[in-house]
Amino acid sequence: MSLLLGLTGGIGSGKSLAAKFFKELGAYIIDADKLSRELVRPGQPALNEIIENFGDDILDSNGNLNRGELAKIIFKDANKKSSLENILHPKIIKMEQEEYARISNSDPSAIVIIEAALLIESENYKNVDKVIVIQSNEAQQLDRILSRSDLNRDQAEARIKNQMKLEEKNKFADFLLENNSTPEVLRQNVHELYKKIQTLNNYQYFNELFV
């Protein structure tokens, strides 16, 4: 029997790197952000809905969604943020479920992980078997955000504060994954957690087989 997990955490917490390490160990990864990007390609219904709600100013000169401009809008206006989430979340969740079904059909013992920043906020945690919350302190988050983006420190801090607090996310966690050190330490932590997940998956498989 396949097992579906959700991997979440704050911006700059190291979700993508953790997902990469899980994939190296054999897990299938469904990237919610990648699905979101597919949904907002030119000509897609979701992009048309976004334009209807936010106007043509959120497009670049080639007609593509300017994610940076859209981010500026939604991080300043909670209502606009909710409008965007109402457009995208149901569609992303549907695509995730379809992808999970495809993977499960081809590999019945698969361990599948949805990497999603808003797994809890979108209530998609209800659709997974277990939730992994990656742990990272704010200083580490800031360093990672500043090293990979054009945001300044004030903007990065604002993004962190705009998200659900880690203490709140932890209430939904079945597993906590520490990432307050080096990538190599994270790799080791992922490896140790993956062994626990494999044990859980094997237990579920034999339970289904003999019950």
Protein backbone atom coordinates (compact mmCIF):
# COMPACT_ATOMS: atom_id res chain seq x y z
CA MET A 1 0.00 0.00 0.00
CA SER A 2 1.34 3.42 -0.93
CA LEU A 3 1.85 6.14 1.64
CA LEU A 4 1.19 9.86 1.07
CA LEU A 5 2.98 12.46 3.20
CA GLY A 6 3.02 16.22 3.20
CA LEU A 7 6.26 18.14 3.66
CA THR A 8 5.86 21.74 4.78
CA GLY A 9 7.60 24.57 6.61
CA GLY A 10 8.22 28.29 6.40
CA ILE A 11 9.91 30.17 3.59
CA GLY A 12 13.65 29.46 3.63
CA SER A 13 13.24 26.45 5.89
CA GLY A 14 14.83 24.04 3.40
CA LYS A 15 11.80 22.17 2.06
CA SER A 16 13.16 21.78 -1.47
CA LEU A 17 16.54 20.50 -0.30
CA ALA A 18 14.84 18.03 2.04
CA ALA A 19 12.59 16.90 -0.82
CA LYS A 20 15.68 16.36 -2.98
CA PHE A 21 17.21 14.14 -0.30
CA PHE A 22 13.96 12.17 0.10
CA LYS A 23 13.90 11.65 -3.68
CA GLU A 24 17.46 10.31 -3.60
CA LEU A 25 16.28 7.69 -1.11
CA GLY A 26 13.45 6.53 -3.36
CA ALA A 27 10.46 8.72 -2.50
CA TYR A 28 8.30 10.23 -5.20
CA ILE A 29 8.02 14.02 -4.89
CA ILE A 30 5.01 16.09 -5.93
CA ASP A 31 6.04 19.75 -5.98
CA ALA A 32 3.05 22.01 -5.29
CA ASP A 33 4.92 25.11 -6.48
CA LYS A 34 5.75 23.43 -9.78
CA LEU A 35 2.08 22.54 -10.26
CA SER A 36 1.16 26.14 -9.47
CA ARG A 37 3.52 27.37 -12.19
CA GLU A 38 1.89 25.02 -14.69
CA LEU A 39 -1.53 26.35 -13.78
CA VAL A 40 -0.60 29.96 -14.50
CA ARG A 41 0.99 29.46 -17.91
CA PRO A 42 -0.47 31.68 -20.67
CA GLY A 43 -3.81 30.37 -21.87
CA GLN A 44 -4.55 28.37 -18.74
CA PRO A 45 -7.97 28.97 -17.11
CA ALA A 46 -6.37 29.73 -13.73
CA LEU A 47 -4.32 32.57 -15.22
CA ASN A 48 -7.45 34.02 -16.80
CA GLU A 49 -9.17 33.96 -13.41
CA ILE A 50 -6.20 35.70 -11.83
CA ILE A 51 -6.25 38.41 -14.51
CA GLU A 52 -9.98 38.92 -13.91
CA ASN A 53 -9.30 39.46 -10.19
CA PHE A 54 -6.00 41.36 -10.33
CA GLY A 55 -5.92 43.05 -13.74
CA ASP A 56 -3.43 42.96 -16.62
CA ASP A 57 -0.73 44.70 -14.59
CA ILE A 58 0.35 41.37 -13.12
CA LEU A 59 1.52 40.22 -16.58
CA ASP A 60 4.94 40.88 -18.06
CA SER A 61 5.54 42.10 -21.63
CA ASN A 62 5.33 38.51 -22.95
CA GLY A 63 1.98 37.80 -21.31
CA ASN A 64 3.45 35.64 -18.58
CA LEU A 65 2.47 36.01 -14.93
CA ASN A 66 4.85 38.33 -13.10
CA ARG A 67 5.02 36.41 -9.85
CA GLY A 68 7.07 39.13 -8.19
CA GLU A 69 4.44 41.80 -8.86
CA LEU A 70 1.66 39.48 -7.75
CA ALA A 71 3.56 38.70 -4.55
CA LYS A 72 3.83 42.41 -3.75
CA ILE A 73 0.05 42.71 -3.99
CA ILE A 74 -0.93 39.70 -1.92
CA PHE A 75 1.58 40.31 0.87
CA LYS A 76 0.05 43.75 1.40
CA ASP A 77 -3.61 42.75 1.14
CA ALA A 78 -5.01 39.73 3.01
CA ASN A 79 -8.20 39.76 0.94
CA LYS A 80 -6.25 39.64 -2.31
CA LYS A 81 -4.16 36.80 -0.89
CA SER A 82 -7.33 34.86 -0.07
CA SER A 83 -8.69 35.49 -3.57
CA LEU A 84 -5.56 34.05 -5.15
CA GLU A 85 -5.56 31.03 -2.84
CA ASN A 86 -9.23 30.35 -3.63
CA ILE A 87 -8.34 30.24 -7.32
CA LEU A 88 -5.23 28.08 -7.06
CA HIS A 89 -5.53 25.76 -4.06
CA PRO A 90 -8.44 23.58 -5.25
CA LYS A 91 -6.80 23.15 -8.65
CA ILE A 92 -3.39 22.32 -7.16
CA ILE A 93 -4.90 19.80 -4.74
CA LYS A 94 -6.80 18.13 -7.59
CA MET A 95 -3.59 17.82 -9.63
CA GLU A 96 -1.74 16.40 -6.62
CA GLN A 97 -4.42 13.77 -6.06
CA GLU A 98 -4.35 12.79 -9.73
CA GLU A 99 -0.55 12.48 -9.67
CA TYR A 100 -0.68 10.44 -6.46
CA ALA A 101 -3.22 8.07 -8.01
CA ARG A 102 -1.01 7.66 -11.08
CA ILE A 103 2.06 6.88 -8.96
CA SER A 104 0.14 4.47 -6.70
CA ASN A 105 -1.21 2.56 -9.70
CA SER A 106 2.28 2.06 -11.12
CA ASP A 107 3.97 1.45 -7.75
CA PRO A 108 1.58 0.17 -5.06
CA SER A 109 4.26 0.37 -2.34
CA ALA A 110 5.31 3.92 -3.19
CA ILE A 111 6.22 6.54 -0.62
CA VAL A 112 4.93 9.83 -2.04
CA ILE A 113 5.68 13.25 -0.58
CA ILE A 114 3.85 16.46 -1.43
CA GLU A 115 6.20 19.42 -0.96
CA ALA A 116 3.93 22.37 -0.19
CA ALA A 117 4.52 25.61 1.69
CA LEU A 118 0.80 26.02 2.39
CA LEU A 119 -0.08 22.40 3.08
CA ILE A 120 -1.73 23.32 6.38
CA GLU A 121 -3.19 26.70 5.44
CA SER A 122 -4.92 25.17 2.39
CA GLU A 123 -6.22 22.33 4.60
CA ASN A 124 -4.54 19.88 2.24
CA TYR A 125 -2.99 18.21 5.30
CA LYS A 126 -6.36 16.45 5.62
CA ASN A 127 -5.64 14.61 2.35
CA VAL A 128 -2.30 13.08 3.41
CA ASP A 129 -1.49 10.19 5.71
CA LYS A 130 1.25 11.97 7.66
CA VAL A 131 2.65 15.52 7.91
CA ILE A 132 6.34 16.43 8.09
CA VAL A 133 7.17 19.93 9.32
CA ILE A 134 10.72 21.08 8.69
CA GLN A 135 12.24 23.07 11.54
CA SER A 136 14.50 26.07 10.97
CA ASN A 137 15.16 29.16 13.08
CA GLU A 138 14.48 32.62 11.69
CA ALA A 139 18.16 33.51 11.32
CA GLN A 140 18.72 30.48 9.10
CA GLN A 141 15.59 31.26 7.11
CA LEU A 142 16.74 34.82 6.50
CA ASP A 143 20.18 33.72 5.37
CA ARG A 144 18.72 31.27 2.87
CA ILE A 145 16.16 33.74 1.50
CA LEU A 146 18.74 36.51 1.06
CA SER A 147 21.22 34.16 -0.63
CA ARG A 148 18.76 32.94 -3.26
CA SER A 149 16.52 35.93 -4.03
CA ASP A 150 16.51 39.66 -4.77
CA LEU A 151 14.62 40.45 -1.56
CA ASN A 152 16.24 42.75 0.97
CA ARG A 153 16.28 41.94 4.69
CA ASP A 154 13.12 43.92 5.50
CA GLN A 155 11.23 42.21 2.69
CA ALA A 156 12.48 38.78 3.72
CA GLU A 157 11.48 39.36 7.34
CA ALA A 158 8.05 40.51 6.18
CA ARG A 159 7.60 37.28 4.19
CA ILE A 160 8.49 35.20 7.24
CA LYS A 161 6.13 37.12 9.52
CA ASN A 162 3.33 36.85 6.95
CA GLN A 163 3.33 33.06 7.21
CA MET A 164 1.87 30.76 9.83
CA LYS A 165 4.09 30.57 12.90
CA LEU A 166 6.22 27.45 13.22
CA GLU A 167 4.66 26.71 16.60
CA GLU A 168 1.25 26.55 14.92
CA LYS A 169 2.49 24.33 12.09
CA ASN A 170 4.01 21.95 14.62
CA LYS A 171 0.56 21.22 16.04
CA PHE A 172 -0.24 19.43 12.78
CA ALA A 173 3.05 17.52 12.54
CA ASP A 174 3.44 13.76 12.76
CA PHE A 175 7.18 14.15 12.16
CA LEU A 176 9.56 17.06 12.84
CA LEU A 177 12.62 17.45 10.61
CA GLU A 178 15.44 19.61 11.95
CA ASN A 179 17.34 21.92 9.57
CA ASN A 180 19.35 24.34 11.66
CA SER A 181 22.80 23.25 10.55
CA THR A 182 24.53 22.21 7.31
CA PRO A 183 23.02 20.47 4.26
CA GLU A 184 24.92 17.34 5.19
CA VAL A 185 23.27 17.27 8.63
CA LEU A 186 19.89 17.73 6.96
CA ARG A 187 20.68 14.83 4.63
CA GLN A 188 21.41 12.66 7.67
CA ASN A 189 18.19 13.76 9.38
CA VAL A 190 16.21 12.98 6.23
CA HIS A 191 17.83 9.55 6.03
CA GLU A 192 16.89 8.74 9.62
CA LEU A 193 13.32 9.94 9.13
CA TYR A 194 12.97 8.02 5.88
CA LYS A 195 13.80 4.77 7.66
CA LYS A 196 10.92 5.46 10.08
CA ILE A 197 8.60 6.20 7.16
CA GLN A 198 9.62 2.96 5.43
CA THR A 199 8.86 1.04 8.61
CA LEU A 200 5.45 2.69 8.79
CA ASN A 201 4.78 1.91 5.13
CA ASN A 202 5.74 -1.74 5.61
CA TYR A 203 3.51 -1.99 8.66
CA GLN A 204 0.56 -0.58 6.72
CA TYR A 205 1.23 -2.95 3.83
CA PHE A 206 1.26 -6.09 5.99
CA ASN A 207 -1.71 -4.85 7.99
CA GLU A 208 -3.72 -4.49 4.78
CA LEU A 209 -2.49 -7.86 3.55
CA PHE A 210 -3.49 -9.91 6.55
CA VAL A 211 -6.48 -8.09 8.01
